[in-house]
Amino acid sequence: KNYGALLGLFMGISSMIKSMTTGTMGDQTFIMPWVSILPRVL
C-alpha cells in the first residue's frame, strides 16, 4: 500500500502537469493539486 500511495502521487503529479498543457475544459480542473494529487495518493 505504501508503494501504491507513491505511484498514486506520481500519477497525480503527472496528470496535473498534463492538464496544464492540454485537455478539455473539464480536465483543466486537475491543475489544482487537491484534485489531481490528493485523491490519487489515497
Full PDB file with SEQRES, HELIX, SHEET, SSBOND, CRYST1, ORIGX, SCALE, CONECT and MASTER records, all heavy atoms in Angstrom:
SEQRES   1 A   42  LYS ASN TYR GLY ALA LEU LEU GLY LEU PHE MET GLY ILE          
SEQRES   2 A   42  SER SER MET ILE LYS SER MET THR THR GLY THR MET GLY          
SEQRES   3 A   42  ASP GLN THR PHE ILE MET PRO TRP VAL SER ILE LEU PRO          
SEQRES   4 A   42  ARG VAL LEU                                                  
HELIX    1 AA1 ASN A    2  THR A   21  1                                  20    
HELIX    2 AA2 ASP A   27  ILE A   31  5                                   5    
HELIX    3 AA3 PRO A   33  SER A   36  1                                   4    
HELIX    4 AA4 LEU A   38  VAL A   41  1                                   4    
CRYST1    1.000    1.000    1.000  90.00  90.00  90.00 P 1           1          
ORIGX1      1.000000  0.000000  0.000000        0.00000                         
ORIGX2      0.000000  1.000000  0.000000        0.00000                         
ORIGX3      0.000000  0.000000  1.000000        0.00000                         
SCALE1      1.000000  0.000000  0.000000        0.00000                         
SCALE2      0.000000  1.000000  0.000000        0.00000                         
SCALE3      0.000000  0.000000  1.000000        0.00000                         
ATOM      1  N   LYS A   1       0.815  -1.221   0.000  1.00  0.00           N  
ATOM      2  CA  LYS A   1       0.000   0.000   0.000  1.00  0.00           C  
ATOM      3  C   LYS A   1       0.846   1.268   0.000  1.00  0.00           C  
ATOM      4  O   LYS A   1       0.434   2.287  -0.573  1.00  0.00           O  
ATOM      5  CB  LYS A   1      -0.955   0.001   1.187  1.00  0.00           C  
ATOM      6  CG  LYS A   1      -0.311  -0.170   2.544  1.00  0.00           C  
ATOM      7  CD  LYS A   1      -1.365  -0.242   3.639  1.00  0.00           C  
ATOM      8  CE  LYS A   1      -0.740  -0.445   5.017  1.00  0.00           C  
ATOM      9  NZ  LYS A   1      -0.158  -1.815   5.141  1.00  0.00           N  
ATOM     10  N   ASN A   2       2.015   1.230   0.640  1.00  0.00           N  
ATOM     11  CA  ASN A   2       2.864   2.425   0.670  1.00  0.00           C  
ATOM     12  C   ASN A   2       3.422   2.744  -0.720  1.00  0.00           C  
ATOM     13  O   ASN A   2       3.462   3.909  -1.125  1.00  0.00           O  
ATOM     14  CB  ASN A   2       4.009   2.230   1.664  1.00  0.00           C  
ATOM     15  CG  ASN A   2       3.510   2.090   3.089  1.00  0.00           C  
ATOM     16  OD1 ASN A   2       2.545   2.740   3.478  1.00  0.00           O  
ATOM     17  ND2 ASN A   2       4.143   1.235   3.871  1.00  0.00           N  
ATOM     18  N   TYR A   3       3.834   1.712  -1.440  1.00  0.00           N  
ATOM     19  CA  TYR A   3       4.282   1.912  -2.817  1.00  0.00           C  
ATOM     20  C   TYR A   3       3.102   2.340  -3.683  1.00  0.00           C  
ATOM     21  O   TYR A   3       3.259   3.127  -4.624  1.00  0.00           O  
ATOM     22  CB  TYR A   3       4.910   0.639  -3.372  1.00  0.00           C  
ATOM     23  CG  TYR A   3       6.287   0.355  -2.830  1.00  0.00           C  
ATOM     24  CD1 TYR A   3       6.463  -0.407  -1.682  1.00  0.00           C  
ATOM     25  CD2 TYR A   3       7.423   0.849  -3.464  1.00  0.00           C  
ATOM     26  CE1 TYR A   3       7.739  -0.675  -1.175  1.00  0.00           C  
ATOM     27  CE2 TYR A   3       8.691   0.590  -2.977  1.00  0.00           C  
ATOM     28  CZ  TYR A   3       8.849  -0.165  -1.829  1.00  0.00           C  
ATOM     29  OH  TYR A   3      10.101  -0.420  -1.335  1.00  0.00           O  
ATOM     30  N   GLY A   4       1.915   1.815  -3.380  1.00  0.00           N  
ATOM     31  CA  GLY A   4       0.714   2.241  -4.104  1.00  0.00           C  
ATOM     32  C   GLY A   4       0.456   3.720  -3.940  1.00  0.00           C  
ATOM     33  O   GLY A   4       0.090   4.413  -4.897  1.00  0.00           O  
ATOM     34  N   ALA A   5       0.665   4.227  -2.711  1.00  0.00           N  
ATOM     35  CA  ALA A   5       0.491   5.663  -2.462  1.00  0.00           C  
ATOM     36  C   ALA A   5       1.502   6.480  -3.259  1.00  0.00           C  
ATOM     37  O   ALA A   5       1.169   7.540  -3.804  1.00  0.00           O  
ATOM     38  CB  ALA A   5       0.631   5.949  -0.967  1.00  0.00           C  
ATOM     39  N   LEU A   6       2.743   5.986  -3.338  1.00  0.00           N  
ATOM     40  CA  LEU A   6       3.766   6.695  -4.110  1.00  0.00           C  
ATOM     41  C   LEU A   6       3.431   6.706  -5.599  1.00  0.00           C  
ATOM     42  O   LEU A   6       3.621   7.718  -6.281  1.00  0.00           O  
ATOM     43  CB  LEU A   6       5.132   6.045  -3.879  1.00  0.00           C  
ATOM     44  CG  LEU A   6       5.751   6.250  -2.488  1.00  0.00           C  
ATOM     45  CD1 LEU A   6       7.029   5.430  -2.345  1.00  0.00           C  
ATOM     46  CD2 LEU A   6       6.032   7.725  -2.244  1.00  0.00           C  
ATOM     47  N   LEU A   7       2.929   5.585  -6.101  1.00  0.00           N  
ATOM     48  CA  LEU A   7       2.512   5.537  -7.501  1.00  0.00           C  
ATOM     49  C   LEU A   7       1.329   6.475  -7.742  1.00  0.00           C  
ATOM     50  O   LEU A   7       1.235   7.134  -8.780  1.00  0.00           O  
ATOM     51  CB  LEU A   7       2.149   4.106  -7.897  1.00  0.00           C  
ATOM     52  CG  LEU A   7       3.325   3.141  -8.066  1.00  0.00           C  
ATOM     53  CD1 LEU A   7       2.816   1.714  -8.252  1.00  0.00           C  
ATOM     54  CD2 LEU A   7       4.200   3.554  -9.238  1.00  0.00           C  
ATOM     55  N   GLY A   8       0.407   6.530  -6.769  1.00  0.00           N  
ATOM     56  CA  GLY A   8      -0.706   7.462  -6.869  1.00  0.00           C  
ATOM     57  C   GLY A   8      -0.227   8.906  -6.884  1.00  0.00           C  
ATOM     58  O   GLY A   8      -0.750   9.734  -7.622  1.00  0.00           O  
ATOM     59  N   LEU A   9       0.788   9.183  -6.062  1.00  0.00           N  
ATOM     60  CA  LEU A   9       1.384  10.523  -6.047  1.00  0.00           C  
ATOM     61  C   LEU A   9       1.970  10.873  -7.412  1.00  0.00           C  
ATOM     62  O   LEU A   9       1.745  11.975  -7.931  1.00  0.00           O  
ATOM     63  CB  LEU A   9       2.472  10.588  -4.977  1.00  0.00           C  
ATOM     64  CG  LEU A   9       3.313  11.877  -4.915  1.00  0.00           C  
ATOM     65  CD1 LEU A   9       2.444  13.071  -4.545  1.00  0.00           C  
ATOM     66  CD2 LEU A   9       4.468  11.719  -3.923  1.00  0.00           C  
ATOM     67  N   PHE A  10       2.696   9.934  -8.006  1.00  0.00           N  
ATOM     68  CA  PHE A  10       3.306  10.173  -9.316  1.00  0.00           C  
ATOM     69  C   PHE A  10       2.234  10.331 -10.386  1.00  0.00           C  
ATOM     70  O   PHE A  10       2.351  11.182 -11.279  1.00  0.00           O  
ATOM     71  CB  PHE A  10       4.260   9.033  -9.671  1.00  0.00           C  
ATOM     72  CG  PHE A  10       5.112   9.311 -10.869  1.00  0.00           C  
ATOM     73  CD1 PHE A  10       6.148  10.227 -10.811  1.00  0.00           C  
ATOM     74  CD2 PHE A  10       4.875   8.659 -12.069  1.00  0.00           C  
ATOM     75  CE1 PHE A  10       6.933  10.498 -11.920  1.00  0.00           C  
ATOM     76  CE2 PHE A  10       5.656   8.918 -13.195  1.00  0.00           C  
ATOM     77  CZ  PHE A  10       6.691   9.836 -13.109  1.00  0.00           C  
ATOM     78  N   MET A  11       1.171   9.543 -10.289  1.00  0.00           N  
ATOM     79  CA  MET A  11       0.056   9.677 -11.230  1.00  0.00           C  
ATOM     80  C   MET A  11      -0.582  11.058 -11.104  1.00  0.00           C  
ATOM     81  O   MET A  11      -0.891  11.712 -12.116  1.00  0.00           O  
ATOM     82  CB  MET A  11      -0.998   8.597 -10.944  1.00  0.00           C  
ATOM     83  CG  MET A  11      -2.268   8.720 -11.773  1.00  0.00           C  
ATOM     84  SD  MET A  11      -3.552   7.556 -11.237  1.00  0.00           S  
ATOM     85  CE  MET A  11      -4.897   8.010 -12.349  1.00  0.00           C  
ATOM     86  N   GLY A  12      -0.769  11.526  -9.864  1.00  0.00           N  
ATOM     87  CA  GLY A  12      -1.380  12.823  -9.639  1.00  0.00           C  
ATOM     88  C   GLY A  12      -0.539  13.970 -10.172  1.00  0.00           C  
ATOM     89  O   GLY A  12      -1.050  14.882 -10.826  1.00  0.00           O  
ATOM     90  N   ILE A  13       0.766  13.917  -9.897  1.00  0.00           N  
ATOM     91  CA  ILE A  13       1.661  14.963 -10.394  1.00  0.00           C  
ATOM     92  C   ILE A  13       1.683  14.971 -11.919  1.00  0.00           C  
ATOM     93  O   ILE A  13       1.650  16.034 -12.546  1.00  0.00           O  
ATOM     94  CB  ILE A  13       3.083  14.765  -9.828  1.00  0.00           C  
ATOM     95  CG1 ILE A  13       3.086  14.988  -8.312  1.00  0.00           C  
ATOM     96  CG2 ILE A  13       4.074  15.710 -10.504  1.00  0.00           C  
ATOM     97  CD1 ILE A  13       4.390  14.631  -7.643  1.00  0.00           C  
ATOM     98  N   SER A  14       1.721  13.788 -12.515  1.00  0.00           N  
ATOM     99  CA  SER A  14       1.740  13.688 -13.978  1.00  0.00           C  
ATOM    100  C   SER A  14       0.468  14.257 -14.589  1.00  0.00           C  
ATOM    101  O   SER A  14       0.515  14.987 -15.587  1.00  0.00           O  
ATOM    102  CB  SER A  14       1.917  12.221 -14.401  1.00  0.00           C  
ATOM    103  OG  SER A  14       3.134  11.691 -13.927  1.00  0.00           O  
ATOM    104  N   SER A  15      -0.685  13.933 -13.995  1.00  0.00           N  
ATOM    105  CA  SER A  15      -1.946  14.437 -14.544  1.00  0.00           C  
ATOM    106  C   SER A  15      -2.070  15.943 -14.360  1.00  0.00           C  
ATOM    107  O   SER A  15      -2.655  16.634 -15.198  1.00  0.00           O  
ATOM    108  CB  SER A  15      -3.138  13.723 -13.893  1.00  0.00           C  
ATOM    109  OG  SER A  15      -3.241  14.050 -12.523  1.00  0.00           O  
ATOM    110  N   MET A  16      -1.499  16.468 -13.261  1.00  0.00           N  
ATOM    111  CA  MET A  16      -1.524  17.914 -13.050  1.00  0.00           C  
ATOM    112  C   MET A  16      -0.704  18.620 -14.128  1.00  0.00           C  
ATOM    113  O   MET A  16      -1.143  19.629 -14.695  1.00  0.00           O  
ATOM    114  CB  MET A  16      -0.977  18.259 -11.660  1.00  0.00           C  
ATOM    115  CG  MET A  16      -1.032  19.739 -11.333  1.00  0.00           C  
ATOM    116  SD  MET A  16      -0.544  20.131  -9.631  1.00  0.00           S  
ATOM    117  CE  MET A  16       1.200  19.697  -9.694  1.00  0.00           C  
ATOM    118  N   ILE A  17       0.486  18.083 -14.425  1.00  0.00           N  
ATOM    119  CA  ILE A  17       1.321  18.663 -15.480  1.00  0.00           C  
ATOM    120  C   ILE A  17       0.630  18.552 -16.835  1.00  0.00           C  
ATOM    121  O   ILE A  17       0.625  19.494 -17.631  1.00  0.00           O  
ATOM    122  CB  ILE A  17       2.695  17.964 -15.516  1.00  0.00           C  
ATOM    123  CG1 ILE A  17       3.457  18.220 -14.212  1.00  0.00           C  
ATOM    124  CG2 ILE A  17       3.520  18.446 -16.714  1.00  0.00           C  
ATOM    125  CD1 ILE A  17       4.723  17.408 -14.069  1.00  0.00           C  
ATOM    126  N   LYS A  18       0.014  17.398 -17.077  1.00  0.00           N  
ATOM    127  CA  LYS A  18      -0.699  17.180 -18.332  1.00  0.00           C  
ATOM    128  C   LYS A  18      -1.831  18.196 -18.511  1.00  0.00           C  
ATOM    129  O   LYS A  18      -2.026  18.755 -19.599  1.00  0.00           O  
ATOM    130  CB  LYS A  18      -1.273  15.761 -18.348  1.00  0.00           C  
ATOM    131  CG  LYS A  18      -2.167  15.430 -19.523  1.00  0.00           C  
ATOM    132  CD  LYS A  18      -1.388  15.114 -20.753  1.00  0.00           C  
ATOM    133  CE  LYS A  18      -2.290  14.559 -21.840  1.00  0.00           C  
ATOM    134  NZ  LYS A  18      -1.548  14.280 -23.088  1.00  0.00           N  
ATOM    135  N   SER A  19      -2.582  18.455 -17.436  1.00  0.00           N  
ATOM    136  CA  SER A  19      -3.719  19.363 -17.530  1.00  0.00           C  
ATOM    137  C   SER A  19      -3.295  20.810 -17.763  1.00  0.00           C  
ATOM    138  O   SER A  19      -4.084  21.625 -18.233  1.00  0.00           O  
ATOM    139  CB  SER A  19      -4.559  19.286 -16.249  1.00  0.00           C  
ATOM    140  OG  SER A  19      -3.835  19.788 -15.138  1.00  0.00           O  
ATOM    141  N   MET A  20      -2.030  21.127 -17.453  1.00  0.00           N  
ATOM    142  CA  MET A  20      -1.536  22.489 -17.691  1.00  0.00           C  
ATOM    143  C   MET A  20      -1.261  22.760 -19.164  1.00  0.00           C  
ATOM    144  O   MET A  20      -1.176  23.912 -19.586  1.00  0.00           O  
ATOM    145  CB  MET A  20      -0.235  22.710 -16.902  1.00  0.00           C  
ATOM    146  CG  MET A  20      -0.395  22.742 -15.396  1.00  0.00           C  
ATOM    147  SD  MET A  20       1.212  22.886 -14.583  1.00  0.00           S  
ATOM    148  CE  MET A  20       0.718  22.890 -12.857  1.00  0.00           C  
ATOM    149  N   THR A  21      -1.110  21.694 -19.936  1.00  0.00           N  
ATOM    150  CA  THR A  21      -0.709  21.860 -21.330  1.00  0.00           C  
ATOM    151  C   THR A  21      -1.806  21.494 -22.316  1.00  0.00           C  
ATOM    152  O   THR A  21      -1.946  22.132 -23.353  1.00  0.00           O  
ATOM    153  CB  THR A  21       0.534  21.006 -21.635  1.00  0.00           C  
ATOM    154  OG1 THR A  21       0.258  19.628 -21.317  1.00  0.00           O  
ATOM    155  CG2 THR A  21       1.714  21.464 -20.795  1.00  0.00           C  
ATOM    156  N   THR A  22      -2.549  20.459 -21.998  1.00  0.00           N  
ATOM    157  CA  THR A  22      -3.592  20.003 -22.925  1.00  0.00           C  
ATOM    158  C   THR A  22      -4.810  19.582 -22.128  1.00  0.00           C  
ATOM    159  O   THR A  22      -4.820  19.604 -20.912  1.00  0.00           O  
ATOM    160  CB  THR A  22      -3.116  18.801 -23.768  1.00  0.00           C  
ATOM    161  OG1 THR A  22      -2.734  17.733 -22.885  1.00  0.00           O  
ATOM    162  CG2 THR A  22      -1.952  19.176 -24.646  1.00  0.00           C  
ATOM    163  N   GLY A  23      -5.828  19.161 -22.853  1.00  0.00           N  
ATOM    164  CA  GLY A  23      -7.008  18.630 -22.175  1.00  0.00           C  
ATOM    165  C   GLY A  23      -8.251  19.455 -22.433  1.00  0.00           C  
ATOM    166  O   GLY A  23      -8.205  20.581 -22.913  1.00  0.00           O  
ATOM    167  N   THR A  24      -9.387  18.879 -22.089  1.00  0.00           N  
ATOM    168  CA  THR A  24     -10.667  19.537 -22.259  1.00  0.00           C  
ATOM    169  C   THR A  24     -10.886  20.522 -21.113  1.00  0.00           C  
ATOM    170  O   THR A  24     -10.094  20.606 -20.174  1.00  0.00           O  
ATOM    171  CB  THR A  24     -11.788  18.495 -22.262  1.00  0.00           C  
ATOM    172  OG1 THR A  24     -11.822  17.859 -20.965  1.00  0.00           O  
ATOM    173  CG2 THR A  24     -11.549  17.429 -23.324  1.00  0.00           C  
ATOM    174  N   MET A  25     -11.992  21.264 -21.164  1.00  0.00           N  
ATOM    175  CA  MET A  25     -12.294  22.216 -20.101  1.00  0.00           C  
ATOM    176  C   MET A  25     -12.410  21.503 -18.759  1.00  0.00           C  
ATOM    177  O   MET A  25     -11.915  21.987 -17.737  1.00  0.00           O  
ATOM    178  CB  MET A  25     -13.594  22.959 -20.402  1.00  0.00           C  
ATOM    179  CG  MET A  25     -13.951  23.994 -19.350  1.00  0.00           C  
ATOM    180  SD  MET A  25     -15.445  24.936 -19.740  1.00  0.00           S  
ATOM    181  CE  MET A  25     -16.693  23.701 -19.478  1.00  0.00           C  
ATOM    182  N   GLY A  26     -13.030  20.343 -18.767  1.00  0.00           N  
ATOM    183  CA  GLY A  26     -13.158  19.585 -17.527  1.00  0.00           C  
ATOM    184  C   GLY A  26     -11.818  19.135 -16.981  1.00  0.00           C  
ATOM    185  O   GLY A  26     -11.616  19.071 -15.769  1.00  0.00           O  
ATOM    186  N   ASP A  27     -10.878  18.837 -17.875  1.00  0.00           N  
ATOM    187  CA  ASP A  27      -9.545  18.398 -17.443  1.00  0.00           C  
ATOM    188  C   ASP A  27      -8.753  19.524 -16.792  1.00  0.00           C  
ATOM    189  O   ASP A  27      -7.846  19.269 -15.997  1.00  0.00           O  
ATOM    190  CB  ASP A  27      -8.759  17.852 -18.635  1.00  0.00           C  
ATOM    191  CG  ASP A  27      -9.321  16.536 -19.143  1.00  0.00           C  
ATOM    192  OD1 ASP A  27      -9.972  15.833 -18.344  1.00  0.00           O  
ATOM    193  OD2 ASP A  27      -9.118  16.213 -20.325  1.00  0.00           O  
ATOM    194  N   GLN A  28      -9.061  20.772 -17.148  1.00  0.00           N  
ATOM    195  CA  GLN A  28      -8.303  21.889 -16.597  1.00  0.00           C  
ATOM    196  C   GLN A  28      -8.429  21.995 -15.079  1.00  0.00           C  
ATOM    197  O   GLN A  28      -7.559  22.563 -14.415  1.00  0.00           O  
ATOM    198  CB  GLN A  28      -8.768  23.205 -17.243  1.00  0.00           C  
ATOM    199  CG  GLN A  28      -8.548  23.282 -18.748  1.00  0.00           C  
ATOM    200  CD  GLN A  28      -7.086  23.133 -19.137  1.00  0.00           C  
ATOM    201  OE1 GLN A  28      -6.215  23.763 -18.529  1.00  0.00           O  
ATOM    202  NE2 GLN A  28      -6.818  22.309 -20.123  1.00  0.00           N  
ATOM    203  N   THR A  29      -9.487  21.438 -14.534  1.00  0.00           N  
ATOM    204  CA  THR A  29      -9.673  21.467 -13.082  1.00  0.00           C  
ATOM    205  C   THR A  29      -8.567  20.697 -12.370  1.00  0.00           C  
ATOM    206  O   THR A  29      -8.263  20.971 -11.209  1.00  0.00           O  
ATOM    207  CB  THR A  29     -11.052  20.877 -12.727  1.00  0.00           C  
ATOM    208  OG1 THR A  29     -12.051  21.521 -13.519  1.00  0.00           O  
ATOM    209  CG2 THR A  29     -11.384  21.090 -11.268  1.00  0.00           C  
ATOM    210  N   PHE A  30      -7.944  19.745 -13.061  1.00  0.00           N  
ATOM    211  CA  PHE A  30      -6.896  18.937 -12.449  1.00  0.00           C  
ATOM    212  C   PHE A  30      -5.587  19.711 -12.278  1.00  0.00           C  
ATOM    213  O   PHE A  30      -4.616  19.153 -11.771  1.00  0.00           O  
ATOM    214  CB  PHE A  30      -6.666  17.664 -13.271  1.00  0.00           C  
ATOM    215  CG  PHE A  30      -7.776  16.667 -13.139  1.00  0.00           C  
ATOM    216  CD1 PHE A  30      -8.842  16.671 -14.028  1.00  0.00           C  
ATOM    217  CD2 PHE A  30      -7.758  15.737 -12.119  1.00  0.00           C  
ATOM    218  CE1 PHE A  30      -9.878  15.764 -13.894  1.00  0.00           C  
ATOM    219  CE2 PHE A  30      -8.788  14.824 -11.978  1.00  0.00           C  
ATOM    220  CZ  PHE A  30      -9.857  14.836 -12.865  1.00  0.00           C  
ATOM    221  N   ILE A  31      -5.582  20.972 -12.666  1.00  0.00           N  
ATOM    222  CA  ILE A  31      -4.433  21.836 -12.362  1.00  0.00           C  
ATOM    223  C   ILE A  31      -4.304  22.001 -10.846  1.00  0.00           C  
ATOM    224  O   ILE A  31      -3.200  22.142 -10.319  1.00  0.00           O  
ATOM    225  CB  ILE A  31      -4.586  23.201 -13.047  1.00  0.00           C  
ATOM    226  CG1 ILE A  31      -4.485  23.051 -14.570  1.00  0.00           C  
ATOM    227  CG2 ILE A  31      -3.561  24.193 -12.540  1.00  0.00           C  
ATOM    228  CD1 ILE A  31      -4.769  24.332 -15.331  1.00  0.00           C  
ATOM    229  N   MET A  32      -5.432  21.939 -10.159  1.00  0.00           N  
ATOM    230  CA  MET A  32      -5.431  22.096  -8.707  1.00  0.00           C  
ATOM    231  C   MET A  32      -4.900  20.826  -8.043  1.00  0.00           C  
ATOM    232  O   MET A  32      -5.440  19.745  -8.275  1.00  0.00           O  
ATOM    233  CB  MET A  32      -6.845  22.403  -8.198  1.00  0.00           C  
ATOM    234  CG  MET A  32      -7.475  23.610  -8.860  1.00  0.00           C  
ATOM    235  SD  MET A  32      -6.458  25.106  -8.615  1.00  0.00           S  
ATOM    236  CE  MET A  32      -7.358  26.302  -9.585  1.00  0.00           C  
ATOM    237  N   PRO A  33      -3.868  20.931  -7.203  1.00  0.00           N  
ATOM    238  CA  PRO A  33      -3.257  19.732  -6.614  1.00  0.00           C  
ATOM    239  C   PRO A  33      -4.190  18.926  -5.725  1.00  0.00           C  
ATOM    240  O   PRO A  33      -4.038  17.707  -5.614  1.00  0.00           O  
ATOM    241  CB  PRO A  33      -2.062  20.284  -5.823  1.00  0.00           C  
ATOM    242  CG  PRO A  33      -2.351  21.734  -5.628  1.00  0.00           C  
ATOM    243  CD  PRO A  33      -3.149  22.165  -6.818  1.00  0.00           C  
ATOM    244  N   TRP A  34      -5.170  19.591  -5.086  1.00  0.00           N  
ATOM    245  CA  TRP A  34      -6.095  18.829  -4.242  1.00  0.00           C  
ATOM    246  C   TRP A  34      -7.075  18.000  -5.075  1.00  0.00           C  
ATOM    247  O   TRP A  34      -7.735  17.114  -4.544  1.00  0.00           O  
ATOM    248  CB  TRP A  34      -6.862  19.757  -3.289  1.00  0.00           C  
ATOM    249  CG  TRP A  34      -7.674  20.819  -3.961  1.00  0.00           C  
ATOM    250  CD1 TRP A  34      -8.942  20.705  -4.454  1.00  0.00           C  
ATOM    251  CD2 TRP A  34      -7.277  22.174  -4.215  1.00  0.00           C  
ATOM    252  NE1 TRP A  34      -9.362  21.893  -5.008  1.00  0.00           N  
ATOM    253  CE2 TRP A  34      -8.364  22.816  -4.864  1.00  0.00           C  
ATOM    254  CE3 TRP A  34      -6.119  22.909  -3.947  1.00  0.00           C  
ATOM    255  CZ2 TRP A  34      -8.302  24.153  -5.260  1.00  0.00           C  
ATOM    256  CZ3 TRP A  34      -6.075  24.235  -4.334  1.00  0.00           C  
ATOM    257  CH2 TRP A  34      -7.154  24.842  -4.987  1.00  0.00           C  
ATOM    258  N   VAL A  35      -7.142  18.293  -6.371  1.00  0.00           N  
ATOM    259  CA  VAL A  35      -7.964  17.485  -7.273  1.00  0.00           C  
ATOM    260  C   VAL A  35      -7.127  16.399  -7.945  1.00  0.00           C  
ATOM    261  O   VAL A  35      -7.550  15.241  -8.040  1.00  0.00           O  
ATOM    262  CB  VAL A  35      -8.640  18.364  -8.351  1.00  0.00           C  
ATOM    263  CG1 VAL A  35      -9.465  17.499  -9.315  1.00  0.00           C  
ATOM    264  CG2 VAL A  35      -9.526  19.411  -7.696  1.00  0.00           C  
ATOM    265  N   SER A  36      -5.941  16.753  -8.396  1.00  0.00           N  
ATOM    266  CA  SER A  36      -5.118  15.817  -9.172  1.00  0.00           C  
ATOM    267  C   SER A  36      -4.270  14.887  -8.303  1.00  0.00           C  
ATOM    268  O   SER A  36      -4.069  13.727  -8.648  1.00  0.00           O  
ATOM    269  CB  SER A  36      -4.192  16.598 -10.118  1.00  0.00           C  
ATOM    270  OG  SER A  36      -3.384  17.497  -9.374  1.00  0.00           O  
ATOM    271  N   ILE A  37      -3.778  15.378  -7.155  1.00  0.00           N  
ATOM    272  CA  ILE A  37      -2.788  14.617  -6.388  1.00  0.00           C  
ATOM    273  C   ILE A  37      -3.384  13.917  -5.174  1.00  0.00           C  
ATOM    274  O   ILE A  37      -3.227  12.690  -5.016  1.00  0.00           O  
ATOM    275  CB  ILE A  37      -1.629  15.538  -5.951  1.00  0.00           C  
ATOM    276  CG1 ILE A  37      -0.900  16.084  -7.176  1.00  0.00           C  
ATOM    277  CG2 ILE A  37      -0.657  14.779  -5.043  1.00  0.00           C  
ATOM    278  CD1 ILE A  37       0.203  17.083  -6.860  1.00  0.00           C  
ATOM    279  N   LEU A  38      -4.057  14.662  -4.306  1.00  0.00           N  
ATOM    280  CA  LEU A  38      -4.532  14.097  -3.041  1.00  0.00           C  
ATOM    281  C   LEU A  38      -5.395  12.845  -3.215  1.00  0.00           C  
ATOM    282  O   LEU A  38      -5.143  11.818  -2.559  1.00  0.00           O  
ATOM    283  CB  LEU A  38      -5.285  15.166  -2.241  1.00  0.00           C  
ATOM    284  CG  LEU A  38      -5.848  14.722  -0.889  1.00  0.00           C  
ATOM    285  CD1 LEU A  38      -4.732  14.223   0.018  1.00  0.00           C  
ATOM    286  CD2 LEU A  38      -6.625  15.861  -0.225  1.00  0.00           C  
ATOM    287  N   PRO A  39      -6.416  12.856  -4.100  1.00  0.00           N  
ATOM    288  CA  PRO A  39      -7.235  11.647  -4.249  1.00  0.00           C  
ATOM    289  C   PRO A  39      -6.443  10.454  -4.774  1.00  0.00           C  
ATOM    290  O   PRO A  39      -6.713   9.308  -4.400  1.00  0.00           O  
ATOM    291  CB  PRO A  39      -8.308  12.068  -5.271  1.00  0.00           C  
ATOM    292  CG  PRO A  39      -8.282  13.546  -5.280  1.00  0.00           C  
ATOM    293  CD  PRO A  39      -6.891  13.950  -4.967  1.00  0.00           C  
ATOM    294  N   ARG A  40      -5.434  10.716  -5.624  1.00  0.00           N  
ATOM    295  CA  ARG A  40      -4.659   9.626  -6.207  1.00  0.00           C  
ATOM    296  C   ARG A  40      -3.753   8.976  -5.172  1.00  0.00           C  
ATOM    297  O   ARG A  40      -3.514   7.757  -5.210  1.00  0.00           O  
ATOM    298  CB  ARG A  40      -3.829  10.145  -7.377  1.00  0.00           C  
ATOM    299  CG  ARG A  40      -4.510  10.114  -8.752  1.00  0.00           C  
ATOM    300  CD  ARG A  40      -5.803  10.927  -8.803  1.00  0.00           C  
ATOM    301  NE  ARG A  40      -6.473  10.827 -10.076  1.00  0.00           N  
ATOM    302  CZ  ARG A  40      -6.202  11.601 -11.132  1.00  0.00           C  
ATOM    303  NH1 ARG A  40      -5.276  12.532 -11.067  1.00  0.00           N  
ATOM    304  NH2 ARG A  40      -6.889  11.438 -12.252  1.00  0.00           N  
ATOM    305  N   VAL A  41      -3.210   9.777  -4.238  1.00  0.00           N  
ATOM    306  CA  VAL A  41      -2.389   9.204  -3.160  1.00  0.00           C  
ATOM    307  C   VAL A  41      -3.242   8.275  -2.295  1.00  0.00           C  
ATOM    308  O   VAL A  41      -2.848   7.139  -1.987  1.00  0.00           O  
ATOM    309  CB  VAL A  41      -1.757  10.316  -2.303  1.00  0.00           C  
ATOM    310  CG1 VAL A  41      -1.023   9.716  -1.097  1.00  0.00           C  
ATOM    311  CG2 VAL A  41      -0.786  11.148  -3.137  1.00  0.00           C  
ATOM    312  N   LEU A  42      -4.423   8.756  -1.905  1.00  0.00           N  
ATOM    313  CA  LEU A  42      -5.328   7.935  -1.100  1.00  0.00           C  
ATOM    314  C   LEU A  42      -5.776   6.693  -1.855  1.00  0.00           C  
ATOM    315  O   LEU A  42      -5.838   5.595  -1.293  1.00  0.00           O  
ATOM    316  CB  LEU A  42      -6.552   8.768  -0.696  1.00  0.00           C  
ATOM    317  CG  LEU A  42      -6.294   9.924   0.271  1.00  0.00           C  
ATOM    318  CD1 LEU A  42      -7.560  10.767   0.441  1.00  0.00           C  
ATOM    319  CD2 LEU A  42      -5.822   9.404   1.615  1.00  0.00           C  
TER     320      LEU A  42                                                      
MASTER        0    0    0    4    0    0    0    6  319    1    0    4          
END                                                                             
